[in-house]
Amino acid sequence: MELNKLLERIDENKKAINERRPLTPAEVLELDQYFKIGTTYSSNALEGNSLTLTETKVLIEDGITVGGKPIKDCYEATGHANAYDFMLTIARAENFVLTEEIIKKLHFLFYNKIDTEQAGQYRDRQVFITGTEYLPPAYEDVPKLMSEFAAEVNAKKDRLHPVLLSAFVHRRLVDIHPFTDGNGRTARLLMNLILVNKGYQVISIPPVLRHDYISALVSAQKEKNPSNEKFNQLIAECELEAQKDYGRMFRIELPKSSI
């Protein structure tokens, strides 16, 4: 489906969903937990984490680790869940302004049990991304690029469609690659922060779409003729699916054209 039509359908769905709001406090808690577990599982799975959705749920809800699974995988799950809670708190604040401190804290909460020294700190060396020819900026340039990035997001946040802004935020953070590790998960948390702040649904990129996801990022990072088209399309399609899931859970009849 053509991107502009897809965005129109997403906005039609948003209107139908808003008619069901506000949710009760109990519904909000259940919904937050549902998406926290699903997003934690999918975001970690995209990076090779071995925990299943059920194992992620048991770990986050009951604090029970799974025998035989790497402790790093468990730390990634609990860390992501903590970062997710912080993301929701920031997203629901009035007069939201993106700062470098917010980005660093998202990374810290996710990464601090994996590498205390690097958590929440910009990288101090060159990094390389496997499977692509794209070379991230020199580490000396990261502070300046991140300052410009936050300013650009704040300038765009009321002018660009929220789904496109969320895609831009994700892609640009991955381009800068400010941290030694955990950039993808931080980018996806930041993407969802934008969506929640603007009243849209939390996106989970399922592991089955990993090839399409990486391919879309590579397309946007080409040295010659880079294009955001595939990545914007993918994020919009995932938002549409998230809306359908929300509609299913709350028995909301979404516009027929969106189904």
C-alpha atoms as a PDB file:
ATOM      1  CA  MET A   1       0.000   0.000   0.000  1.00  0.00           C
ATOM      2  CA  GLU A   2       1.247   3.491  -0.855  1.00  0.00           C
ATOM      3  CA  LEU A   3       2.720   5.233   2.206  1.00  0.00           C
ATOM      4  CA  ASN A   4       0.409   8.269   2.251  1.00  0.00           C
ATOM      5  CA  LYS A   5      -2.667   6.013   2.053  1.00  0.00           C
ATOM      6  CA  LEU A   6      -1.228   3.900   4.841  1.00  0.00           C
ATOM      7  CA  LEU A   7      -0.783   6.965   7.049  1.00  0.00           C
ATOM      8  CA  GLU A   8      -4.367   8.024   6.305  1.00  0.00           C
ATOM      9  CA  ARG A   9      -5.633   4.621   7.429  1.00  0.00           C
ATOM     10  CA  ILE A  10      -3.535   4.813  10.578  1.00  0.00           C
ATOM     11  CA  ASP A  11      -5.036   8.200  11.423  1.00  0.00           C
ATOM     12  CA  GLU A  12      -8.563   6.882  10.773  1.00  0.00           C
ATOM     13  CA  ASN A  13      -7.869   4.038  13.181  1.00  0.00           C
ATOM     14  CA  LYS A  14      -6.483   6.465  15.755  1.00  0.00           C
ATOM     15  CA  LYS A  15      -9.779   8.380  15.730  1.00  0.00           C
ATOM     16  CA  ALA A  16     -11.745   5.175  16.348  1.00  0.00           C
ATOM     17  CA  ILE A  17      -9.366   4.148  19.135  1.00  0.00           C
ATOM     18  CA  ASN A  18      -9.593   7.577  20.776  1.00  0.00           C
ATOM     19  CA  GLU A  19     -13.372   7.198  21.006  1.00  0.00           C
ATOM     20  CA  ARG A  20     -12.797   4.256  23.377  1.00  0.00           C
ATOM     21  CA  ARG A  21     -10.530   6.347  25.606  1.00  0.00           C
ATOM     22  CA  PRO A  22      -9.844   7.175  28.349  1.00  0.00           C
ATOM     23  CA  LEU A  23      -9.088   3.710  29.664  1.00  0.00           C
ATOM     24  CA  THR A  24      -9.625   2.816  33.291  1.00  0.00           C
ATOM     25  CA  PRO A  25      -6.491   2.703  35.496  1.00  0.00           C
ATOM     26  CA  ALA A  26      -6.729  -1.095  35.576  1.00  0.00           C
ATOM     27  CA  GLU A  27      -6.925  -1.263  31.780  1.00  0.00           C
ATOM     28  CA  VAL A  28      -3.903   1.010  31.444  1.00  0.00           C
ATOM     29  CA  LEU A  29      -1.860  -1.213  33.759  1.00  0.00           C
ATOM     30  CA  GLU A  30      -2.802  -4.372  31.865  1.00  0.00           C
ATOM     31  CA  LEU A  31      -2.135  -2.763  28.503  1.00  0.00           C
ATOM     32  CA  ASP A  32       1.251  -1.431  29.600  1.00  0.00           C
ATOM     33  CA  GLN A  33       2.284  -4.869  30.836  1.00  0.00           C
ATOM     34  CA  TYR A  34       1.069  -6.559  27.650  1.00  0.00           C
ATOM     35  CA  PHE A  35       3.063  -4.298  25.366  1.00  0.00           C
ATOM     36  CA  LYS A  36       6.083  -4.211  27.669  1.00  0.00           C
ATOM     37  CA  ILE A  37       6.462  -7.971  27.513  1.00  0.00           C
ATOM     38  CA  GLY A  38       5.809  -8.188  23.767  1.00  0.00           C
ATOM     39  CA  THR A  39       8.135  -5.332  22.908  1.00  0.00           C
ATOM     40  CA  THR A  40      10.883  -6.567  25.227  1.00  0.00           C
ATOM     41  CA  TYR A  41      10.731 -10.012  23.660  1.00  0.00           C
ATOM     42  CA  SER A  42      10.674  -8.824  20.046  1.00  0.00           C
ATOM     43  CA  SER A  43      13.302  -6.102  20.428  1.00  0.00           C
ATOM     44  CA  ASN A  44      15.725  -8.476  22.129  1.00  0.00           C
ATOM     45  CA  ALA A  45      14.965 -11.324  19.718  1.00  0.00           C
ATOM     46  CA  LEU A  46      15.902  -9.100  16.773  1.00  0.00           C
ATOM     47  CA  GLU A  47      19.375  -8.891  18.322  1.00  0.00           C
ATOM     48  CA  GLY A  48      19.735 -12.637  18.914  1.00  0.00           C
ATOM     49  CA  ASN A  49      18.424 -12.969  22.476  1.00  0.00           C
ATOM     50  CA  SER A  50      17.400 -16.598  23.081  1.00  0.00           C
ATOM     51  CA  LEU A  51      14.474 -16.042  25.475  1.00  0.00           C
ATOM     52  CA  THR A  52      11.048 -16.965  24.135  1.00  0.00           C
ATOM     53  CA  LEU A  53       7.987 -14.777  24.648  1.00  0.00           C
ATOM     54  CA  THR A  54       6.813 -17.031  27.489  1.00  0.00           C
ATOM     55  CA  GLU A  55      10.243 -17.033  29.141  1.00  0.00           C
ATOM     56  CA  THR A  56      10.369 -13.241  28.873  1.00  0.00           C
ATOM     57  CA  LYS A  57       6.933 -12.976  30.479  1.00  0.00           C
ATOM     58  CA  VAL A  58       7.855 -15.262  33.407  1.00  0.00           C
ATOM     59  CA  LEU A  59      11.110 -13.411  33.993  1.00  0.00           C
ATOM     60  CA  ILE A  60       9.542  -9.942  33.961  1.00  0.00           C
ATOM     61  CA  GLU A  61       6.352 -10.775  35.866  1.00  0.00           C
ATOM     62  CA  ASP A  62       7.631 -13.369  38.336  1.00  0.00           C
ATOM     63  CA  GLY A  63      11.382 -12.772  38.437  1.00  0.00           C
ATOM     64  CA  ILE A  64      12.018 -16.426  37.587  1.00  0.00           C
ATOM     65  CA  THR A  65      15.015 -17.106  35.346  1.00  0.00           C
ATOM     66  CA  VAL A  66      15.103 -19.936  32.850  1.00  0.00           C
ATOM     67  CA  GLY A  67      17.594 -22.734  33.428  1.00  0.00           C
ATOM     68  CA  GLY A  68      20.283 -23.047  30.784  1.00  0.00           C
ATOM     69  CA  LYS A  69      19.747 -19.596  29.294  1.00  0.00           C
ATOM     70  CA  PRO A  70      22.659 -17.093  29.269  1.00  0.00           C
ATOM     71  CA  ILE A  71      22.524 -14.640  32.160  1.00  0.00           C
ATOM     72  CA  LYS A  72      23.170 -11.832  29.653  1.00  0.00           C
ATOM     73  CA  ASP A  73      19.886 -12.681  27.917  1.00  0.00           C
ATOM     74  CA  CYS A  74      18.076 -12.383  31.248  1.00  0.00           C
ATOM     75  CA  TYR A  75      19.749  -9.050  32.005  1.00  0.00           C
ATOM     76  CA  GLU A  76      18.713  -7.797  28.566  1.00  0.00           C
ATOM     77  CA  ALA A  77      15.086  -8.669  29.305  1.00  0.00           C
ATOM     78  CA  THR A  78      14.917  -7.108  32.763  1.00  0.00           C
ATOM     79  CA  GLY A  79      16.917  -4.089  31.623  1.00  0.00           C
ATOM     80  CA  HIS A  80      14.673  -3.505  28.622  1.00  0.00           C
ATOM     81  CA  ALA A  81      11.582  -3.781  30.836  1.00  0.00           C
ATOM     82  CA  ASN A  82      12.986  -1.094  33.162  1.00  0.00           C
ATOM     83  CA  ALA A  83      13.842   1.153  30.221  1.00  0.00           C
ATOM     84  CA  TYR A  84      10.341   0.591  28.813  1.00  0.00           C
ATOM     85  CA  ASP A  85       8.729   1.792  32.051  1.00  0.00           C
ATOM     86  CA  PHE A  86      10.889   4.929  31.953  1.00  0.00           C
ATOM     87  CA  MET A  87       9.973   5.447  28.296  1.00  0.00           C
ATOM     88  CA  LEU A  88       6.256   5.441  29.151  1.00  0.00           C
ATOM     89  CA  THR A  89       6.767   7.907  31.999  1.00  0.00           C
ATOM     90  CA  ILE A  90       8.579  10.367  29.740  1.00  0.00           C
ATOM     91  CA  ALA A  91       6.149   9.848  26.838  1.00  0.00           C
ATOM     92  CA  ARG A  92       3.156  10.715  29.022  1.00  0.00           C
ATOM     93  CA  ALA A  93       4.676  13.864  30.488  1.00  0.00           C
ATOM     94  CA  GLU A  94       3.233  17.195  29.407  1.00  0.00           C
ATOM     95  CA  ASN A  95       5.323  19.447  27.162  1.00  0.00           C
ATOM     96  CA  PHE A  96       7.683  16.634  26.207  1.00  0.00           C
ATOM     97  CA  VAL A  97      11.095  17.785  24.974  1.00  0.00           C
ATOM     98  CA  LEU A  98      13.699  15.253  23.863  1.00  0.00           C
ATOM     99  CA  THR A  99      17.074  15.617  25.560  1.00  0.00           C
ATOM    100  CA  GLU A 100      20.353  13.743  25.410  1.00  0.00           C
ATOM    101  CA  GLU A 101      19.851  12.871  29.074  1.00  0.00           C
ATOM    102  CA  ILE A 102      16.644  10.982  28.232  1.00  0.00           C
ATOM    103  CA  ILE A 103      18.418   8.997  25.514  1.00  0.00           C
ATOM    104  CA  LYS A 104      21.340   8.212  27.806  1.00  0.00           C
ATOM    105  CA  LYS A 105      19.018   7.072  30.605  1.00  0.00           C
ATOM    106  CA  LEU A 106      17.093   4.775  28.266  1.00  0.00           C
ATOM    107  CA  HIS A 107      20.401   3.157  27.352  1.00  0.00           C
ATOM    108  CA  PHE A 108      21.594   3.068  30.966  1.00  0.00           C
ATOM    109  CA  LEU A 109      18.467   1.339  32.243  1.00  0.00           C
ATOM    110  CA  PHE A 110      18.673  -1.259  29.504  1.00  0.00           C
ATOM    111  CA  TYR A 111      22.440  -1.828  29.646  1.00  0.00           C
ATOM    112  CA  ASN A 112      23.649  -1.195  33.193  1.00  0.00           C
ATOM    113  CA  LYS A 113      23.683  -4.838  34.328  1.00  0.00           C
ATOM    114  CA  ILE A 114      25.496  -5.889  31.174  1.00  0.00           C
ATOM    115  CA  ASP A 115      28.275  -3.287  31.237  1.00  0.00           C
ATOM    116  CA  THR A 116      28.162  -0.776  34.088  1.00  0.00           C
ATOM    117  CA  GLU A 117      30.972   1.380  32.709  1.00  0.00           C
ATOM    118  CA  GLN A 118      29.501   1.763  29.213  1.00  0.00           C
ATOM    119  CA  ALA A 119      25.836   2.062  30.213  1.00  0.00           C
ATOM    120  CA  GLY A 120      24.477   5.492  29.396  1.00  0.00           C
ATOM    121  CA  GLN A 121      27.845   6.670  28.063  1.00  0.00           C
ATOM    122  CA  TYR A 122      28.657   7.661  24.499  1.00  0.00           C
ATOM    123  CA  ARG A 123      31.217   5.371  22.896  1.00  0.00           C
ATOM    124  CA  ASP A 124      34.915   6.173  23.095  1.00  0.00           C
ATOM    125  CA  ARG A 125      36.056   4.166  20.087  1.00  0.00           C
ATOM    126  CA  GLN A 126      35.157   3.403  16.495  1.00  0.00           C
ATOM    127  CA  VAL A 127      32.494   0.729  15.993  1.00  0.00           C
ATOM    128  CA  PHE A 128      31.565  -1.346  12.972  1.00  0.00           C
ATOM    129  CA  ILE A 129      28.209  -2.802  11.963  1.00  0.00           C
ATOM    130  CA  THR A 130      28.297  -6.333  10.630  1.00  0.00           C
ATOM    131  CA  GLY A 131      26.418  -7.083   7.432  1.00  0.00           C
ATOM    132  CA  THR A 132      26.652  -3.588   6.010  1.00  0.00           C
ATOM    133  CA  GLU A 133      29.203  -1.278   4.437  1.00  0.00           C
ATOM    134  CA  TYR A 134      27.907   1.651   6.473  1.00  0.00           C
ATOM    135  CA  LEU A 135      30.566   3.150   8.744  1.00  0.00           C
ATOM    136  CA  PRO A 136      29.242   5.029  11.797  1.00  0.00           C
ATOM    137  CA  PRO A 137      30.709   8.451  12.558  1.00  0.00           C
ATOM    138  CA  ALA A 138      33.992   8.816  14.442  1.00  0.00           C
ATOM    139  CA  TYR A 139      33.448   8.677  18.190  1.00  0.00           C
ATOM    140  CA  GLU A 140      34.830  12.201  18.584  1.00  0.00           C
ATOM    141  CA  ASP A 141      31.876  13.486  16.558  1.00  0.00           C
ATOM    142  CA  VAL A 142      29.180  11.693  18.559  1.00  0.00           C
ATOM    143  CA  PRO A 143      28.498  14.388  21.228  1.00  0.00           C
ATOM    144  CA  LYS A 144      27.978  17.091  18.603  1.00  0.00           C
ATOM    145  CA  LEU A 145      25.843  14.822  16.420  1.00  0.00           C
ATOM    146  CA  MET A 146      23.655  13.808  19.351  1.00  0.00           C
ATOM    147  CA  SER A 147      23.129  17.414  20.393  1.00  0.00           C
ATOM    148  CA  GLU A 148      22.073  18.253  16.837  1.00  0.00           C
ATOM    149  CA  PHE A 149      19.894  15.153  16.707  1.00  0.00           C
ATOM    150  CA  ALA A 150      17.896  16.092  19.815  1.00  0.00           C
ATOM    151  CA  ALA A 151      17.428  19.628  18.515  1.00  0.00           C
ATOM    152  CA  GLU A 152      16.279  18.353  15.116  1.00  0.00           C
ATOM    153  CA  VAL A 153      13.724  15.987  16.659  1.00  0.00           C
ATOM    154  CA  ASN A 154      12.271  18.786  18.792  1.00  0.00           C
ATOM    155  CA  ALA A 155      12.057  21.019  15.721  1.00  0.00           C
ATOM    156  CA  LYS A 156      10.268  18.310  13.708  1.00  0.00           C
ATOM    157  CA  LYS A 157       7.948  16.919  16.398  1.00  0.00           C
ATOM    158  CA  ASP A 158       4.996  19.163  15.584  1.00  0.00           C
ATOM    159  CA  ARG A 159       5.592  19.359  11.830  1.00  0.00           C
ATOM    160  CA  LEU A 160       6.200  15.765  10.733  1.00  0.00           C
ATOM    161  CA  HIS A 161       3.629  12.972  10.873  1.00  0.00           C
ATOM    162  CA  PRO A 162       4.295  11.115  14.161  1.00  0.00           C
ATOM    163  CA  VAL A 163       4.816   7.759  12.436  1.00  0.00           C
ATOM    164  CA  LEU A 164       7.370   9.290  10.083  1.00  0.00           C
ATOM    165  CA  LEU A 165       8.991  11.131  12.995  1.00  0.00           C
ATOM    166  CA  SER A 166       9.273   7.874  14.939  1.00  0.00           C
ATOM    167  CA  ALA A 167      10.925   6.228  11.920  1.00  0.00           C
ATOM    168  CA  PHE A 168      13.319   9.157  11.571  1.00  0.00           C
ATOM    169  CA  VAL A 169      14.239   9.036  15.270  1.00  0.00           C
ATOM    170  CA  HIS A 170      14.948   5.311  15.056  1.00  0.00           C
ATOM    171  CA  ARG A 171      16.956   5.494  11.862  1.00  0.00           C
ATOM    172  CA  ARG A 172      18.997   8.551  12.824  1.00  0.00           C
ATOM    173  CA  LEU A 173      19.995   7.146  16.212  1.00  0.00           C
ATOM    174  CA  VAL A 174      21.170   3.950  14.541  1.00  0.00           C
ATOM    175  CA  ASP A 175      23.076   6.057  11.989  1.00  0.00           C
ATOM    176  CA  ILE A 176      24.966   7.904  14.721  1.00  0.00           C
ATOM    177  CA  HIS A 177      25.414   4.699  16.719  1.00  0.00           C
ATOM    178  CA  PRO A 178      26.265   6.656  19.877  1.00  0.00           C
ATOM    179  CA  PHE A 179      26.805   3.647  22.147  1.00  0.00           C
ATOM    180  CA  THR A 180      29.185   0.710  21.915  1.00  0.00           C
ATOM    181  CA  ASP A 181      26.232  -1.706  22.044  1.00  0.00           C
ATOM    182  CA  GLY A 182      22.476  -1.564  22.512  1.00  0.00           C
ATOM    183  CA  ASN A 183      21.867   1.079  19.844  1.00  0.00           C
ATOM    184  CA  GLY A 184      19.063  -0.826  18.110  1.00  0.00           C
ATOM    185  CA  ARG A 185      17.102  -1.407  21.289  1.00  0.00           C
ATOM    186  CA  THR A 186      17.581   2.180  22.408  1.00  0.00           C
ATOM    187  CA  ALA A 187      16.410   3.343  18.973  1.00  0.00           C
ATOM    188  CA  ARG A 188      13.264   1.208  19.164  1.00  0.00           C
ATOM    189  CA  LEU A 189      12.478   2.501  22.663  1.00  0.00           C
ATOM    190  CA  LEU A 190      12.941   6.058  21.428  1.00  0.00           C
ATOM    191  CA  MET A 191      10.723   5.340  18.421  1.00  0.00           C
ATOM    192  CA  ASN A 192       7.958   4.162  20.729  1.00  0.00           C
ATOM    193  CA  LEU A 193       8.420   7.149  23.027  1.00  0.00           C
ATOM    194  CA  ILE A 194       7.500   9.397  20.101  1.00  0.00           C
ATOM    195  CA  LEU A 195       4.496   7.262  19.147  1.00  0.00           C
ATOM    196  CA  VAL A 196       3.071   7.058  22.677  1.00  0.00           C
ATOM    197  CA  ASN A 197       3.590  10.781  23.214  1.00  0.00           C
ATOM    198  CA  LYS A 198       1.524  11.481  20.090  1.00  0.00           C
ATOM    199  CA  GLY A 199      -1.246   9.033  20.994  1.00  0.00           C
ATOM    200  CA  TYR A 200      -0.286   6.185  18.669  1.00  0.00           C
ATOM    201  CA  GLN A 201       0.354   2.525  19.469  1.00  0.00           C
ATOM    202  CA  VAL A 202       3.553   0.916  20.668  1.00  0.00           C
ATOM    203  CA  ILE A 203       5.289  -0.897  17.818  1.00  0.00           C
ATOM    204  CA  SER A 204       6.851  -4.336  18.066  1.00  0.00           C
ATOM    205  CA  ILE A 205       8.911  -5.429  15.082  1.00  0.00           C
ATOM    206  CA  PRO A 206       8.481  -9.229  15.059  1.00  0.00           C
ATOM    207  CA  PRO A 207      11.603 -11.381  14.609  1.00  0.00           C
ATOM    208  CA  VAL A 208      10.062 -12.860  11.443  1.00  0.00           C
ATOM    209  CA  LEU A 209      10.559  -9.424   9.840  1.00  0.00           C
ATOM    210  CA  ARG A 210      14.220  -9.213  10.851  1.00  0.00           C
ATOM    211  CA  HIS A 211      15.482  -9.532   7.259  1.00  0.00           C
ATOM    212  CA  ASP A 212      13.086  -6.860   5.987  1.00  0.00           C
ATOM    213  CA  TYR A 213      13.974  -4.620   8.916  1.00  0.00           C
ATOM    214  CA  ILE A 214      17.729  -4.858   8.373  1.00  0.00           C
ATOM    215  CA  SER A 215      17.330  -4.540   4.621  1.00  0.00           C
ATOM    216  CA  ALA A 216      15.316  -1.336   5.057  1.00  0.00           C
ATOM    217  CA  LEU A 217      17.971   0.135   7.344  1.00  0.00           C
ATOM    218  CA  VAL A 218      20.734  -0.794   4.914  1.00  0.00           C
ATOM    219  CA  SER A 219      18.806   0.872   2.103  1.00  0.00           C
ATOM    220  CA  ALA A 220      18.615   4.075   4.146  1.00  0.00           C
ATOM    221  CA  GLN A 221      22.354   3.970   4.904  1.00  0.00           C
ATOM    222  CA  LYS A 222      23.677   3.468   1.387  1.00  0.00           C
ATOM    223  CA  GLU A 223      26.486   5.799   0.396  1.00  0.00           C
ATOM    224  CA  LYS A 224      24.933   6.272  -3.047  1.00  0.00           C
ATOM    225  CA  ASN A 225      21.221   6.969  -3.475  1.00  0.00           C
ATOM    226  CA  PRO A 226      20.096   6.260   0.108  1.00  0.00           C
ATOM    227  CA  SER A 227      16.340   5.969   0.580  1.00  0.00           C
ATOM    228  CA  ASN A 228      14.112   6.011   3.664  1.00  0.00           C
ATOM    229  CA  GLU A 229      11.153   4.683   1.691  1.00  0.00           C
ATOM    230  CA  LYS A 230      11.401   1.019   2.722  1.00  0.00           C
ATOM    231  CA  PHE A 231      12.033   1.843   6.366  1.00  0.00           C
ATOM    232  CA  ASN A 232       9.168   4.346   6.614  1.00  0.00           C
ATOM    233  CA  GLN A 233       6.875   1.812   4.973  1.00  0.00           C
ATOM    234  CA  LEU A 234       7.892  -0.929   7.392  1.00  0.00           C
ATOM    235  CA  ILE A 235       7.347   1.219  10.481  1.00  0.00           C
ATOM    236  CA  ALA A 236       3.954   2.382   9.192  1.00  0.00           C
ATOM    237  CA  GLU A 237       2.882  -1.208   8.505  1.00  0.00           C
ATOM    238  CA  CYS A 238       3.936  -2.233  12.023  1.00  0.00           C
ATOM    239  CA  GLU A 239       1.933   0.653  13.498  1.00  0.00           C
ATOM    240  CA  LEU A 240      -1.130  -0.466  11.548  1.00  0.00           C
ATOM    241  CA  GLU A 241      -0.744  -4.002  12.894  1.00  0.00           C
ATOM    242  CA  ALA A 242      -0.376  -2.649  16.443  1.00  0.00           C
ATOM    243  CA  GLN A 243      -3.633  -0.715  16.018  1.00  0.00           C
ATOM    244  CA  LYS A 244      -5.414  -3.855  14.833  1.00  0.00           C
ATOM    245  CA  ASP A 245      -4.113  -5.693  17.904  1.00  0.00           C
ATOM    246  CA  TYR A 246      -5.379  -2.891  20.143  1.00  0.00           C
ATOM    247  CA  GLY A 247      -8.750  -2.963  18.387  1.00  0.00           C
ATOM    248  CA  ARG A 248      -8.982  -6.713  18.896  1.00  0.00           C
ATOM    249  CA  MET A 249      -8.259  -6.476  22.624  1.00  0.00           C
ATOM    250  CA  PHE A 250     -10.820  -3.749  23.267  1.00  0.00           C
ATOM    251  CA  ARG A 251     -13.353  -4.909  20.654  1.00  0.00           C
ATOM    252  CA  ILE A 252     -13.068  -1.650  18.745  1.00  0.00           C
ATOM    253  CA  GLU A 253     -14.490  -1.745  15.248  1.00  0.00           C
ATOM    254  CA  LEU A 254     -11.860  -0.061  13.130  1.00  0.00           C
ATOM    255  CA  PRO A 255     -12.787   1.546   9.796  1.00  0.00           C
ATOM    256  CA  LYS A 256     -13.469  -1.152   7.207  1.00  0.00           C
ATOM    257  CA  SER A 257     -10.854   0.220   4.835  1.00  0.00           C
ATOM    258  CA  SER A 258      -8.168  -0.502   7.436  1.00  0.00           C
ATOM    259  CA  ILE A 259      -8.854  -4.188   7.860  1.00  0.00           C
END
